[in-house]
């Protein structure tokens, strides 16, 4: 995942685009897990945390503008 400094430099639209990409990646990992093709299951946890981190930055950005 990108570092926190990378997320701070992005706009809300860029963060939403990144969030969409991470959600697609999460879906694909879940699909691989159920078909037992996923070897590194810690990837699911990392993606989930990345999504939460991105959502937090989106909320912080929207609070600043409001």
N, C-alpha and C. Protein backbone atom coordinates (compact mmCIF):
# COMPACT_ATOMS: atom_id res chain seq x y z
N UNK A 1 0.84 -1.20 0.00
CA UNK A 1 0.00 0.00 0.00
C UNK A 1 0.87 1.23 0.00
N UNK A 2 0.33 2.26 -0.52
CA UNK A 2 1.02 3.53 -0.54
C UNK A 2 1.14 4.07 0.88
N UNK A 3 2.14 4.84 1.07
CA UNK A 3 2.33 5.43 2.38
C UNK A 3 1.31 6.53 2.63
N UNK A 4 1.17 6.90 3.87
CA UNK A 4 0.20 7.92 4.26
C UNK A 4 0.49 9.23 3.55
N UNK A 5 1.75 9.55 3.36
CA UNK A 5 2.12 10.81 2.70
C UNK A 5 1.61 10.84 1.27
N UNK A 6 1.61 9.68 0.61
CA UNK A 6 1.10 9.62 -0.76
C UNK A 6 -0.40 9.91 -0.80
N UNK A 7 -1.12 9.41 0.19
CA UNK A 7 -2.56 9.63 0.23
C UNK A 7 -2.89 11.08 0.54
N UNK A 8 -2.08 11.72 1.37
CA UNK A 8 -2.35 13.11 1.73
C UNK A 8 -2.25 14.04 0.53
N UNK A 9 -1.41 13.68 -0.42
CA UNK A 9 -1.21 14.54 -1.58
C UNK A 9 -2.27 14.40 -2.66
N UNK A 10 -3.18 13.46 -2.50
CA UNK A 10 -4.18 13.21 -3.54
C UNK A 10 -5.46 13.98 -3.29
N UNK A 11 -6.16 14.25 -4.38
CA UNK A 11 -7.47 14.89 -4.27
C UNK A 11 -8.53 13.84 -3.95
N UNK A 12 -9.73 14.30 -3.66
CA UNK A 12 -10.82 13.38 -3.32
C UNK A 12 -11.15 12.48 -4.51
N UNK A 13 -11.12 13.02 -5.72
CA UNK A 13 -11.43 12.22 -6.90
C UNK A 13 -10.38 11.12 -7.10
N UNK A 14 -9.12 11.47 -6.88
CA UNK A 14 -8.06 10.47 -7.00
C UNK A 14 -8.19 9.39 -5.93
N UNK A 15 -8.57 9.80 -4.73
CA UNK A 15 -8.78 8.84 -3.65
C UNK A 15 -9.94 7.90 -3.97
N UNK A 16 -11.00 8.43 -4.55
CA UNK A 16 -12.15 7.60 -4.90
C UNK A 16 -11.77 6.60 -5.99
N UNK A 17 -10.94 7.03 -6.92
CA UNK A 17 -10.49 6.13 -7.98
C UNK A 17 -9.63 5.01 -7.38
N UNK A 18 -8.75 5.36 -6.46
CA UNK A 18 -7.92 4.38 -5.79
C UNK A 18 -8.78 3.42 -4.97
N UNK A 19 -9.81 3.95 -4.33
CA UNK A 19 -10.72 3.13 -3.54
C UNK A 19 -11.42 2.10 -4.43
N UNK A 20 -11.85 2.52 -5.59
CA UNK A 20 -12.52 1.61 -6.52
C UNK A 20 -11.57 0.49 -6.96
N UNK A 21 -10.32 0.85 -7.23
CA UNK A 21 -9.33 -0.15 -7.63
C UNK A 21 -9.09 -1.16 -6.50
N UNK A 22 -9.01 -0.67 -5.28
CA UNK A 22 -8.77 -1.56 -4.13
C UNK A 22 -9.96 -2.48 -3.89
N UNK A 23 -11.18 -1.96 -4.09
CA UNK A 23 -12.36 -2.80 -3.91
C UNK A 23 -12.41 -3.91 -4.96
N UNK A 24 -12.01 -3.58 -6.20
CA UNK A 24 -11.96 -4.61 -7.23
C UNK A 24 -10.92 -5.67 -6.88
N UNK A 25 -9.79 -5.20 -6.38
CA UNK A 25 -8.74 -6.13 -5.97
C UNK A 25 -9.22 -7.02 -4.82
N UNK A 26 -9.96 -6.43 -3.88
CA UNK A 26 -10.50 -7.19 -2.76
C UNK A 26 -11.48 -8.26 -3.26
N UNK A 27 -12.32 -7.90 -4.20
CA UNK A 27 -13.27 -8.85 -4.77
C UNK A 27 -12.53 -10.02 -5.40
N UNK A 28 -11.51 -9.71 -6.19
CA UNK A 28 -10.75 -10.77 -6.85
C UNK A 28 -10.05 -11.67 -5.84
N UNK A 29 -9.52 -11.09 -4.77
CA UNK A 29 -8.86 -11.90 -3.74
C UNK A 29 -9.87 -12.79 -3.02
N UNK A 30 -11.06 -12.25 -2.74
CA UNK A 30 -12.09 -13.08 -2.09
C UNK A 30 -12.49 -14.24 -2.99
N UNK A 31 -12.58 -13.97 -4.27
CA UNK A 31 -12.94 -15.02 -5.22
C UNK A 31 -11.86 -16.09 -5.25
N UNK A 32 -10.61 -15.68 -5.26
CA UNK A 32 -9.50 -16.64 -5.25
C UNK A 32 -9.49 -17.44 -3.96
N UNK A 33 -9.85 -16.80 -2.86
CA UNK A 33 -9.85 -17.50 -1.57
C UNK A 33 -10.89 -18.61 -1.56
N UNK A 34 -12.08 -18.31 -2.08
CA UNK A 34 -13.13 -19.33 -2.07
C UNK A 34 -12.83 -20.47 -3.03
N UNK A 35 -12.11 -20.19 -4.09
CA UNK A 35 -11.72 -21.26 -5.02
C UNK A 35 -10.39 -21.88 -4.62
N UNK A 36 -9.87 -21.48 -3.48
CA UNK A 36 -8.64 -22.00 -2.87
C UNK A 36 -7.43 -21.83 -3.77
N UNK A 37 -7.36 -20.71 -4.48
CA UNK A 37 -6.20 -20.38 -5.29
C UNK A 37 -5.31 -19.36 -4.59
N UNK A 38 -5.82 -18.77 -3.52
CA UNK A 38 -5.08 -17.73 -2.81
C UNK A 38 -4.12 -18.37 -1.82
N UNK A 39 -2.83 -18.11 -2.00
CA UNK A 39 -1.83 -18.69 -1.11
C UNK A 39 -1.53 -17.78 0.06
N UNK A 40 -1.48 -16.48 -0.17
CA UNK A 40 -1.14 -15.53 0.88
C UNK A 40 -2.42 -14.85 1.36
N UNK A 41 -3.04 -15.41 2.39
CA UNK A 41 -4.32 -14.89 2.85
C UNK A 41 -4.19 -13.57 3.59
N UNK A 42 -2.99 -13.18 3.96
CA UNK A 42 -2.81 -11.90 4.64
C UNK A 42 -3.05 -10.73 3.69
N UNK A 43 -3.07 -10.99 2.40
CA UNK A 43 -3.37 -9.94 1.43
C UNK A 43 -4.77 -9.38 1.65
N UNK A 44 -5.70 -10.25 2.03
CA UNK A 44 -7.08 -9.80 2.28
C UNK A 44 -7.11 -8.78 3.41
N UNK A 45 -6.38 -9.04 4.46
CA UNK A 45 -6.36 -8.12 5.60
C UNK A 45 -5.71 -6.80 5.20
N UNK A 46 -4.63 -6.87 4.44
CA UNK A 46 -3.95 -5.65 4.01
C UNK A 46 -4.84 -4.80 3.11
N UNK A 47 -5.55 -5.43 2.20
CA UNK A 47 -6.45 -4.69 1.31
C UNK A 47 -7.57 -4.05 2.11
N UNK A 48 -8.14 -4.80 3.07
CA UNK A 48 -9.22 -4.27 3.90
C UNK A 48 -8.75 -3.04 4.67
N UNK A 49 -7.55 -3.09 5.19
CA UNK A 49 -7.00 -1.95 5.92
C UNK A 49 -6.69 -0.78 5.00
N UNK A 50 -6.23 -1.08 3.80
CA UNK A 50 -5.98 -0.02 2.82
C UNK A 50 -7.27 0.70 2.48
N UNK A 51 -8.35 -0.06 2.30
CA UNK A 51 -9.64 0.53 1.99
C UNK A 51 -10.09 1.44 3.13
N UNK A 52 -9.93 0.98 4.35
CA UNK A 52 -10.31 1.79 5.51
C UNK A 52 -9.47 3.06 5.59
N UNK A 53 -8.19 2.94 5.28
CA UNK A 53 -7.30 4.10 5.31
C UNK A 53 -7.72 5.13 4.27
N UNK A 54 -8.06 4.66 3.07
CA UNK A 54 -8.48 5.57 2.00
C UNK A 54 -9.80 6.24 2.37
N UNK A 55 -10.75 5.46 2.92
CA UNK A 55 -12.03 6.05 3.33
C UNK A 55 -11.83 7.11 4.40
N UNK A 56 -10.90 6.89 5.30
CA UNK A 56 -10.61 7.87 6.35
C UNK A 56 -10.12 9.16 5.73
N UNK A 57 -9.22 9.06 4.76
CA UNK A 57 -8.71 10.27 4.12
C UNK A 57 -9.80 10.99 3.33
N UNK A 58 -10.71 10.24 2.70
CA UNK A 58 -11.80 10.87 1.97
C UNK A 58 -12.68 11.64 2.95
N UNK A 59 -13.00 11.03 4.09
CA UNK A 59 -13.83 11.71 5.09
C UNK A 59 -13.13 12.95 5.65
N UNK A 60 -11.84 12.86 5.87
CA UNK A 60 -11.09 14.02 6.38
C UNK A 60 -11.09 15.14 5.37
N UNK A 61 -10.92 14.81 4.09
CA UNK A 61 -10.92 15.83 3.04
C UNK A 61 -12.29 16.49 2.94
N UNK A 62 -13.36 15.71 3.05
CA UNK A 62 -14.69 16.29 2.92
C UNK A 62 -15.05 17.14 4.13
N UNK A 63 -14.51 16.80 5.31
CA UNK A 63 -14.75 17.62 6.50
C UNK A 63 -14.03 18.97 6.40
N UNK A 64 -12.87 18.97 5.76
CA UNK A 64 -12.13 20.22 5.61
C UNK A 64 -12.87 21.19 4.70
N UNK A 65 -13.49 20.65 3.65
CA UNK A 65 -14.19 21.52 2.70
C UNK A 65 -15.56 21.95 3.21
N UNK A 66 -16.12 21.20 4.14
CA UNK A 66 -17.48 21.53 4.64
C UNK A 66 -17.45 22.63 5.67
